[in-house]
Protein backbone atom coordinates (compact mmCIF):
# COMPACT_ATOMS: atom_id res chain seq x y z
CA MET A 1 45.68 -14.68 -75.42
CA ILE A 2 42.31 -12.90 -74.11
CA THR A 3 40.22 -10.14 -75.83
CA LEU A 4 36.63 -8.52 -74.88
CA ASP A 5 33.50 -8.40 -76.74
CA LEU A 6 31.85 -5.21 -75.49
CA ASP A 7 29.10 -4.89 -78.23
CA TYR A 8 26.54 -6.58 -75.47
CA ALA A 9 27.65 -3.59 -72.67
CA GLN A 10 28.64 -1.21 -75.22
CA LYS A 11 26.62 1.36 -73.32
CA ALA A 12 28.48 1.03 -70.09
CA TYR A 13 31.43 0.84 -71.69
CA GLN A 14 30.73 4.68 -73.56
CA LYS A 15 29.97 5.78 -70.14
CA ALA A 16 33.05 4.49 -68.53
CA LEU A 17 35.53 5.80 -71.45
CA ASP A 18 32.98 9.35 -71.27
CA GLU A 19 34.39 9.80 -67.72
CA PRO A 20 37.98 10.31 -66.15
CA VAL A 21 37.68 6.23 -64.96
CA LEU A 22 41.07 5.47 -66.93
CA ASP A 23 42.72 7.74 -64.78
CA LYS A 24 41.68 6.18 -61.85
CA LEU A 25 42.60 2.99 -62.91
CA VAL A 26 45.98 4.13 -63.55
CA LYS A 27 46.71 5.62 -60.49
CA ALA A 28 45.29 2.24 -58.92
CA HIS A 29 47.90 0.03 -61.30
CA LYS A 30 50.40 2.22 -60.05
CA GLU A 31 49.49 1.35 -56.10
CA LEU A 32 49.59 -2.26 -57.03
CA GLU A 33 52.71 -1.99 -58.56
CA ASN A 34 54.49 0.57 -56.57
CA GLY A 35 52.97 -1.33 -53.00
CA THR A 36 51.37 1.77 -51.83
CA GLY A 37 47.58 0.80 -51.69
CA LYS A 38 45.48 -0.99 -49.25
CA GLY A 39 46.29 -4.90 -48.32
CA ASN A 40 50.02 -3.94 -49.65
CA ASP A 41 51.82 -6.71 -47.73
CA PHE A 42 49.66 -8.80 -49.70
CA LEU A 43 50.72 -8.29 -53.03
CA GLY A 44 53.57 -11.42 -53.37
CA TRP A 45 50.65 -13.10 -56.20
CA LEU A 46 51.73 -10.27 -58.83
CA ASP A 47 55.63 -11.87 -58.83
CA LEU A 48 54.15 -15.77 -58.14
CA PRO A 49 54.77 -16.43 -61.96
CA THR A 50 58.49 -15.63 -61.94
CA ASN A 51 58.90 -16.70 -58.17
CA MET A 52 57.90 -20.17 -58.94
CA ASP A 53 60.34 -20.91 -61.33
CA SER A 54 62.76 -21.84 -58.50
CA GLN A 55 60.51 -24.78 -57.25
CA ILE A 56 59.25 -26.20 -60.39
CA THR A 57 61.70 -29.03 -60.02
CA ALA A 58 60.75 -29.73 -56.23
CA LEU A 59 56.71 -29.81 -57.18
CA ASN A 60 57.50 -31.80 -60.02
CA ASP A 61 59.24 -34.13 -58.22
CA ALA A 62 56.90 -34.39 -55.22
CA ALA A 63 54.08 -35.19 -57.90
CA SER A 64 55.98 -38.04 -59.74
CA LYS A 65 56.59 -39.51 -56.00
CA ILE A 66 52.91 -38.56 -55.88
CA ASN A 67 52.12 -40.94 -58.12
CA ALA A 68 54.56 -43.47 -57.64
CA GLN A 69 52.87 -44.34 -54.42
CA SER A 70 49.75 -43.71 -54.95
CA ASP A 71 46.70 -43.94 -57.41
CA TYR A 72 44.88 -40.97 -55.73
CA LEU A 73 45.65 -37.66 -53.89
CA LEU A 74 43.62 -36.45 -50.99
CA VAL A 75 43.95 -32.53 -50.83
CA ILE A 76 43.07 -31.45 -47.56
CA GLY A 77 41.79 -27.90 -47.72
CA ILE A 78 39.23 -24.92 -47.37
CA GLY A 79 38.85 -21.45 -49.93
CA GLY A 80 41.48 -20.59 -51.92
CA SER A 81 43.52 -24.12 -50.54
CA TYR A 82 41.25 -25.80 -52.69
CA LEU A 83 39.13 -23.70 -55.53
CA GLY A 84 42.08 -23.37 -58.08
CA ALA A 85 43.88 -26.66 -58.10
CA LYS A 86 40.13 -27.45 -58.26
CA ALA A 87 38.99 -25.45 -61.16
CA ALA A 88 42.50 -25.93 -63.00
CA ILE A 89 42.36 -29.84 -62.91
CA GLU A 90 38.82 -29.63 -63.97
CA ALA A 91 39.08 -27.37 -66.54
CA LEU A 92 42.29 -29.34 -67.85
CA SER A 93 41.46 -32.74 -67.62
CA PRO A 94 39.40 -35.18 -69.76
CA TYR A 95 35.88 -35.83 -68.73
CA PHE A 96 36.12 -39.63 -68.75
CA GLY A 97 38.39 -42.45 -68.48
CA LYS A 98 41.98 -42.75 -67.85
CA LYS A 99 43.86 -39.05 -66.64
CA ASP A 100 47.72 -38.31 -67.10
CA GLY A 101 48.07 -38.36 -63.51
CA VAL A 102 46.57 -39.18 -59.75
CA GLU A 103 43.22 -39.11 -59.73
CA VAL A 104 42.66 -36.02 -57.32
CA LEU A 105 39.73 -36.03 -54.75
CA PHE A 106 39.24 -33.25 -51.97
CA ALA A 107 37.97 -33.34 -48.40
CA GLY A 108 38.25 -30.51 -45.87
CA HIS A 109 36.46 -27.90 -47.88
CA HIS A 110 32.83 -28.55 -45.76
CA ILE A 111 31.53 -29.93 -42.72
CA SER A 112 29.80 -33.14 -43.96
CA GLY A 113 30.25 -36.04 -41.85
CA GLU A 114 28.28 -38.48 -44.14
CA TYR A 115 30.87 -36.89 -47.24
CA MET A 116 33.61 -38.21 -45.30
CA SER A 117 32.62 -41.17 -43.94
CA ASP A 118 31.71 -41.90 -47.36
CA LEU A 119 34.97 -41.33 -48.60
CA GLU A 120 36.71 -43.11 -46.13
CA ALA A 121 35.35 -46.00 -47.42
CA TYR A 122 35.82 -45.75 -50.45
CA LEU A 123 39.37 -45.37 -49.73
CA SER A 124 40.17 -48.07 -47.13
CA ASP A 125 41.26 -50.29 -49.51
CA LYS A 126 42.74 -48.06 -52.41
CA ARG A 127 46.44 -46.69 -52.40
CA PHE A 128 46.25 -42.94 -51.51
CA SER A 129 48.49 -39.77 -50.11
CA ILE A 130 47.42 -36.42 -48.40
CA ASN A 131 48.49 -32.99 -49.78
CA VAL A 132 47.19 -31.30 -46.61
CA ILE A 133 46.86 -27.18 -46.97
CA SER A 134 46.66 -24.95 -44.62
CA LYS A 135 48.88 -21.73 -43.19
CA SER A 136 47.54 -22.40 -39.42
CA GLY A 137 47.02 -26.09 -39.50
CA THR A 138 44.26 -24.48 -36.95
CA THR A 139 41.53 -23.77 -39.61
CA THR A 140 38.25 -26.04 -38.77
CA GLU A 141 37.28 -27.72 -41.40
CA PRO A 142 40.43 -29.25 -42.79
CA SER A 143 41.80 -29.91 -39.15
CA ILE A 144 38.61 -32.25 -38.96
CA ALA A 145 39.13 -34.03 -42.52
CA PHE A 146 43.05 -34.12 -41.89
CA ARG A 147 42.78 -35.64 -38.63
CA ARG A 148 40.27 -38.61 -39.54
CA PHE A 149 42.45 -39.51 -43.04
CA ARG A 150 45.65 -39.10 -41.60
CA LYS A 151 44.73 -41.98 -39.34
CA LEU A 152 43.51 -44.08 -41.90
CA LEU A 153 46.42 -43.88 -43.89
CA GLU A 154 48.36 -44.87 -40.85
CA LYS A 155 46.30 -47.87 -40.46
CA GLN A 156 46.54 -48.87 -43.89
CA VAL A 157 50.19 -48.40 -44.38
CA GLY A 158 51.82 -48.14 -41.01
CA LYS A 159 52.69 -44.39 -39.16
CA THR A 160 56.45 -44.95 -40.31
CA ASP A 161 55.33 -45.37 -44.50
CA ALA A 162 52.12 -42.75 -44.19
CA LYS A 163 55.01 -40.26 -43.22
CA THR A 164 56.12 -40.59 -46.86
CA ARG A 165 52.93 -40.11 -48.18
CA ILE A 166 52.02 -37.05 -46.60
CA TYR A 167 53.27 -33.78 -48.13
CA ALA A 168 52.24 -30.47 -45.78
CA THR A 169 51.70 -27.09 -47.76
CA THR A 170 51.51 -24.44 -45.04
CA ASP A 171 53.90 -21.73 -42.79
CA GLU A 172 56.96 -21.23 -43.36
CA SER A 173 58.05 -21.15 -40.27
CA LYS A 174 55.26 -20.89 -37.69
CA GLY A 175 52.06 -23.14 -36.78
CA ALA A 176 50.17 -26.26 -36.36
CA LEU A 177 50.81 -28.11 -39.16
CA ARG A 178 54.58 -26.20 -39.59
CA THR A 179 55.47 -27.37 -36.03
CA LEU A 180 53.67 -30.90 -36.47
CA SER A 181 55.34 -31.24 -40.67
CA ASP A 182 58.64 -30.87 -39.17
CA LYS A 183 58.37 -33.38 -36.35
CA GLU A 184 57.32 -35.89 -38.60
CA GLY A 185 59.57 -35.23 -41.09
CA PHE A 186 56.92 -34.65 -43.97
CA THR A 187 57.64 -33.26 -47.23
CA SER A 188 56.46 -29.96 -47.32
CA PHE A 189 56.01 -26.69 -48.99
CA VAL A 190 55.24 -22.78 -48.13
CA ILE A 191 52.23 -20.51 -48.70
CA PRO A 192 54.12 -17.55 -48.82
CA ASP A 193 53.34 -14.83 -46.32
CA ASP A 194 52.60 -12.52 -48.97
CA VAL A 195 50.10 -14.21 -50.63
CA GLY A 196 46.23 -14.50 -49.58
CA GLY A 197 44.46 -17.91 -50.50
CA ARG A 198 42.28 -16.67 -53.09
CA TYR A 199 44.93 -15.32 -54.89
CA SER A 200 47.61 -18.63 -54.05
CA VAL A 201 46.28 -20.75 -56.75
CA LEU A 202 49.99 -20.03 -58.56
CA SER A 203 51.59 -20.72 -55.32
CA PRO A 204 52.33 -24.55 -54.05
CA VAL A 205 49.26 -24.24 -53.15
CA GLY A 206 47.67 -25.18 -56.07
CA LEU A 207 50.38 -26.30 -58.01
CA LEU A 208 51.79 -29.44 -56.62
CA PRO A 209 48.19 -31.02 -57.02
CA ILE A 210 47.59 -29.70 -60.01
CA ALA A 211 50.72 -31.37 -61.29
CA ALA A 212 50.23 -34.10 -59.42
CA ALA A 213 47.26 -34.32 -61.70
CA GLY A 214 50.03 -34.28 -64.74
CA ILE A 215 49.27 -30.45 -65.94
CA ASP A 216 51.94 -28.44 -66.94
CA ILE A 217 52.70 -26.11 -64.16
CA LYS A 218 55.59 -24.56 -66.08
CA ALA A 219 53.28 -24.26 -69.23
CA MET A 220 50.87 -22.35 -66.38
CA LEU A 221 53.33 -20.14 -64.91
CA GLU A 222 54.60 -18.91 -68.54
CA GLY A 223 50.84 -18.13 -69.08
CA ALA A 224 51.12 -16.05 -65.79
CA LYS A 225 54.01 -14.56 -67.07
CA LYS A 226 52.60 -13.83 -70.21
CA ALA A 227 49.82 -12.05 -69.02
CA ASN A 228 51.84 -9.96 -66.36
CA THR A 229 53.66 -8.53 -69.26
CA GLU A 230 50.88 -8.32 -71.16
CA LEU A 231 48.42 -6.46 -68.87
CA GLY A 232 50.90 -4.60 -67.56
CA GLU A 233 49.91 -1.37 -70.23
CA LYS A 234 48.41 1.10 -68.63
CA THR A 235 46.10 1.98 -71.95
CA VAL A 236 42.91 1.66 -72.45
CA THR A 237 43.58 -1.41 -75.05
CA ASN A 238 44.88 -3.34 -72.03
CA PRO A 239 41.64 -6.17 -71.44
CA ALA A 240 42.17 -5.99 -67.61
CA TYR A 241 41.23 -2.29 -67.67
CA GLN A 242 38.18 -2.82 -70.32
CA TYR A 243 36.47 -5.60 -68.13
CA VAL A 244 36.81 -3.75 -64.78
CA MET A 245 35.28 -0.24 -66.25
CA THR A 246 32.64 -1.87 -67.78
CA ARG A 247 31.62 -4.40 -64.76
CA ASN A 248 31.90 -0.74 -62.32
CA ALA A 249 30.40 1.19 -65.15
CA LEU A 250 27.76 -1.19 -64.57
CA TYR A 251 27.32 -1.92 -61.17
CA ASP A 252 27.06 2.31 -61.12
CA GLU A 253 24.11 1.82 -62.79
CA GLY A 254 22.09 -0.21 -60.65
CA LYS A 255 23.44 -3.66 -61.64
CA LYS A 256 24.37 -5.83 -58.49
CA ILE A 257 24.76 -9.26 -59.51
CA GLU A 258 27.68 -10.12 -61.73
CA ILE A 259 26.95 -13.79 -63.48
CA PHE A 260 29.75 -15.86 -64.42
CA VAL A 261 28.80 -17.91 -67.55
CA HIS A 262 30.67 -20.39 -69.45
CA TYR A 263 29.49 -22.63 -72.21
CA GLU A 264 31.61 -26.13 -71.43
CA PRO A 265 31.24 -27.96 -68.25
CA LYS A 266 34.64 -28.79 -67.18
CA LEU A 267 34.64 -24.84 -66.23
CA HIS A 268 32.33 -25.18 -63.75
CA PHE A 269 34.97 -24.77 -61.13
CA LEU A 270 36.68 -21.57 -62.76
CA GLY A 271 33.64 -19.82 -61.89
CA GLU A 272 33.61 -21.03 -58.31
CA TRP A 273 36.69 -19.85 -57.43
CA TRP A 274 36.16 -16.67 -59.70
CA LYS A 275 33.22 -16.41 -57.28
CA GLN A 276 35.64 -16.42 -54.20
CA LEU A 277 38.09 -14.22 -55.77
CA PHE A 278 35.70 -11.45 -56.17
CA GLY A 279 33.15 -12.06 -53.69
CA GLU A 280 35.88 -11.91 -50.96
CA SER A 281 37.28 -9.37 -52.43
CA GLU A 282 35.06 -6.97 -53.25
CA GLY A 283 31.65 -7.64 -50.61
CA LYS A 284 33.01 -4.61 -48.03
CA GLN A 285 31.69 -1.83 -46.22
CA ASN A 286 28.56 -2.98 -48.08
CA LEU A 287 29.56 -2.76 -51.77
CA GLY A 288 30.20 -4.98 -54.10
CA LEU A 289 28.53 -6.78 -56.76
CA PHE A 290 27.04 -9.99 -56.16
CA PRO A 291 29.40 -12.81 -57.84
CA SER A 292 27.00 -15.53 -59.31
CA SER A 293 28.09 -18.47 -61.71
CA ALA A 294 25.92 -20.14 -64.64
CA GLY A 295 26.81 -23.25 -66.87
CA PHE A 296 24.40 -22.49 -70.35
CA THR A 297 22.84 -24.00 -71.96
CA THR A 298 22.10 -26.17 -68.81
CA ASP A 299 20.87 -23.02 -67.02
CA LEU A 300 19.26 -21.30 -69.26
CA HIS A 301 16.20 -24.07 -68.72
CA SER A 302 16.71 -23.03 -65.31
CA LEU A 303 17.80 -19.40 -64.59
CA GLY A 304 17.09 -18.28 -68.28
CA GLN A 305 13.52 -17.63 -67.40
CA TYR A 306 14.40 -15.08 -64.33
CA ILE A 307 17.92 -13.73 -66.89
CA GLN A 308 15.19 -12.65 -69.65
CA ASP A 309 12.53 -11.46 -67.64
CA GLY A 310 13.32 -10.84 -64.35
CA GLU A 311 14.45 -7.91 -61.84
CA ARG A 312 17.07 -5.82 -63.86
CA HIS A 313 19.76 -6.03 -61.03
CA LEU A 314 21.87 -8.18 -63.50
CA PHE A 315 24.86 -8.61 -66.22
CA GLU A 316 26.60 -11.71 -67.62
CA THR A 317 30.68 -12.09 -68.01
CA VAL A 318 30.87 -14.41 -70.28
CA LEU A 319 34.31 -16.87 -71.05
CA ASN A 320 33.98 -17.70 -74.46
CA ILE A 321 36.68 -20.68 -75.91
CA GLU A 322 37.28 -20.10 -79.29
CA SER A 323 38.62 -23.55 -80.50
CA PRO A 324 37.66 -26.65 -78.53
CA LYS A 325 39.97 -29.84 -78.05
CA LYS A 326 37.74 -31.77 -79.52
CA ASP A 327 34.39 -32.21 -81.35
CA LEU A 328 31.84 -34.26 -83.22
CA THR A 329 30.03 -33.76 -86.05
CA ILE A 330 25.92 -34.45 -86.03
CA GLU A 331 24.93 -37.07 -88.82
CA THR A 332 21.75 -38.09 -90.34
CA ASP A 333 18.96 -39.79 -89.40
CA ALA A 334 16.97 -41.81 -91.93
CA GLU A 335 13.08 -41.67 -90.04
CA ASN A 336 14.20 -37.60 -88.79
CA LEU A 337 11.72 -38.51 -85.81
CA ASP A 338 13.70 -35.66 -83.70
CA LYS A 339 13.80 -32.97 -86.89
CA LEU A 340 17.17 -32.46 -86.38
CA ASN A 341 18.20 -33.17 -89.98
CA TYR A 342 18.88 -29.75 -90.57
CA LEU A 343 21.72 -30.13 -88.23
CA THR A 344 23.43 -32.53 -90.57
CA GLY A 345 26.78 -32.26 -91.07
CA LYS A 346 26.87 -29.60 -88.06
CA ASN A 347 29.69 -29.74 -85.34
CA VAL A 348 28.21 -29.86 -81.75
CA GLU A 349 30.75 -26.38 -81.28
CA GLU A 350 28.75 -24.71 -83.85
CA VAL A 351 25.66 -25.50 -82.39
CA ASN A 352 27.15 -24.33 -78.88
CA LYS A 353 28.26 -21.32 -80.62
CA LYS A 354 25.06 -20.76 -82.35
CA ALA A 355 22.97 -20.75 -78.63
CA MET A 356 25.39 -18.80 -77.22
CA GLN A 357 25.14 -15.94 -79.40
CA GLY A 358 21.60 -15.73 -79.49
CA THR A 359 21.30 -15.76 -76.00
CA LEU A 360 23.52 -12.92 -75.81
CA LEU A 361 21.45 -11.57 -78.33
CA ALA A 362 18.52 -11.91 -76.18
CA HIS A 363 19.85 -11.28 -72.74
CA HIS A 364 20.70 -7.79 -74.50
CA ASP A 365 17.47 -7.42 -75.62
CA GLY A 366 15.99 -7.89 -72.10
CA ASN A 367 18.72 -5.32 -70.85
CA ALA A 368 20.54 -7.54 -69.30
CA PRO A 369 24.33 -6.96 -70.59
CA SER A 370 27.04 -9.69 -71.38
CA ILE A 371 30.85 -8.96 -71.28
CA VAL A 372 32.25 -11.12 -73.55
CA ILE A 373 35.79 -12.41 -72.34
CA ASN A 374 37.51 -14.85 -75.63
CA ILE A 375 39.90 -17.03 -75.12
CA GLU A 376 41.62 -18.87 -77.63
CA LYS A 377 42.03 -22.56 -76.28
CA MET A 378 41.68 -24.17 -72.76
CA ASP A 379 45.43 -25.52 -71.26
CA ALA A 380 47.63 -25.28 -69.35
CA GLU A 381 49.29 -22.03 -70.47
CA ALA A 382 45.97 -19.88 -71.27
CA PHE A 383 44.02 -21.55 -67.60
CA GLY A 384 47.58 -18.97 -66.31
CA TYR A 385 46.96 -16.58 -68.04
CA LEU A 386 43.41 -16.41 -67.18
CA VAL A 387 44.20 -16.95 -63.49
CA PHE A 388 46.63 -13.54 -63.63
CA PHE A 389 44.08 -11.73 -65.57
CA TYR A 390 41.04 -12.44 -63.70
CA GLU A 391 43.23 -11.60 -60.18
CA LEU A 392 44.75 -8.45 -61.97
CA SER A 393 41.34 -7.76 -62.28
CA CYS A 394 39.93 -8.13 -59.50
CA ALA A 395 43.02 -6.01 -56.99
CA LEU A 396 42.00 -2.90 -59.35
CA SER A 397 38.76 -3.27 -59.06
CA GLY A 398 38.55 -3.12 -55.42
CA TYR A 399 40.73 -0.33 -55.41
CA LEU A 400 38.22 1.64 -58.07
CA LEU A 401 35.31 0.87 -55.17
CA GLY A 402 37.85 2.03 -52.29
CA VAL A 403 38.22 -1.15 -50.42
CA ASN A 404 40.93 -3.43 -49.62
CA PRO A 405 41.13 -6.31 -51.89
CA PHE A 406 42.80 -8.57 -50.07
CA ASP A 407 41.38 -8.38 -46.58
CA GLN A 408 38.37 -10.84 -45.47
CA PRO A 409 37.28 -9.10 -42.22
CA GLY A 410 33.41 -10.77 -42.47
CA VAL A 411 34.50 -14.23 -42.70
CA GLU A 412 35.40 -13.83 -38.90
CA ALA A 413 31.82 -13.37 -37.62
CA TYR A 414 30.81 -17.17 -38.91
CA LYS A 415 33.56 -18.74 -37.17
CA SER A 416 33.37 -16.83 -33.89
CA ASN A 417 29.57 -17.47 -33.30
CA MET A 418 30.93 -21.27 -34.42
CA PHE A 419 33.54 -21.32 -31.86
CA ALA A 420 31.16 -20.29 -29.02
CA LEU A 421 28.25 -22.31 -29.96
CA LEU A 422 30.80 -25.41 -29.58
CA GLU A 423 32.81 -24.14 -26.15
CA LYS A 424 35.96 -23.89 -27.48
CA PRO A 425 38.58 -23.08 -25.09
CA GLY A 426 39.02 -19.44 -24.91
CA PHE A 427 35.67 -18.16 -25.82
CA GLU A 428 33.61 -18.65 -22.05
CA LYS A 429 32.14 -14.67 -22.25
CA GLU A 430 31.00 -15.53 -26.10
CA THR A 431 29.67 -19.11 -25.21
CA LYS A 432 27.87 -17.26 -22.30
CA ALA A 433 26.66 -14.60 -24.83
CA ILE A 434 25.09 -16.56 -27.48
CA LYS A 435 23.65 -18.96 -25.26
CA ALA A 436 21.94 -16.40 -23.76
CA ARG A 437 20.77 -14.74 -27.11
CA PHE A 438 19.41 -18.10 -28.18
CA ASP A 439 17.67 -18.63 -25.05
CA SER A 440 16.23 -15.25 -25.29
CA LYS A 441 14.54 -16.31 -28.66
CA LYS A 442 13.77 -19.54 -27.26
CA THR A 443 10.80 -17.65 -24.68
CA ARG A 444 9.84 -14.96 -27.39
């Protein structure tokens, strides 16, 4: 389902072939499969495509109930608790007009009082349900949002009916949200203990809102199963191996930034999900590529100059959807004031593909290499395949880099400072210390 075009990064790929990188990849892959590598307590994502089969009926039943109750589903979560679902829904839904399921909105993925206020006003006269996603139930951003929108829902339909419209995705046995869910009788789904947030899109974390949006989650899991089988081959023809080998060779050459590039606007949030996956997984011990993203041709009119002529510390990974769902033919115009009649009879997608080919060649000539990942089409099965491809590639790449691709210790630093500044109970010592630092700064 996936093939790689390495013509625009051939030098780096050949270098990887000439070095014993394949042996290291095979070793890393075996460590993943045997659970002997770093972070081996967070390998549950490998089995999600199969393990979720038993939950498809319950997830689809909940999605049907949400659609019967509501016109909107408010998903409350942050990081991996929202990006995967957002990416899938954006990639697989029509740009405009009626969708096959409820309209899915998101909250709790930042701290913006203005956003929450506007969203509250928008939902005040609308039928909506809530899917709150949090392992602990105490993560600041979603907790603030859930407290607010739960009260709005209760104000609209009463506390008793509100309980039937709240769906909790949380820990199986512990945490504040599990306690509340059991107490109030919310319909709930479990976040597996051995699955980290950024690897959780194929768990109930992503599957419930995706199903509520009218997307075929069974097909999505089938795609991931297919990827699990096909990408299990420990040979240089494995597309995941080719991707990991080439991007790591480019990193060793001094390319420090990887830009995820797409030519279809609805893939924007797939890029956002990809950035979290690789950024949180590899950015440790002062190592790792910086993950960025761009949507072409739009960003060629802003970032294109830098990519072509700026500092030579970047490369691109281009996701190419070979066959779009829809297209248009360019018609002739009698006056031809825009000088476009030379395109008469061509499809818009053909123009898009020529723009891609021209850009690949120009950036290659400018020493900005590109790895092209080709996928035939974008549907639920393909999306599931692509998710597993990136997850496996990320895990293998992290092992090749020498880091634990399943933890995120650096994320806690800002939280500790924030809690100290907000004078959270239990942070008295940190509050005193950080206030002293700020006071010292002011007196300089």
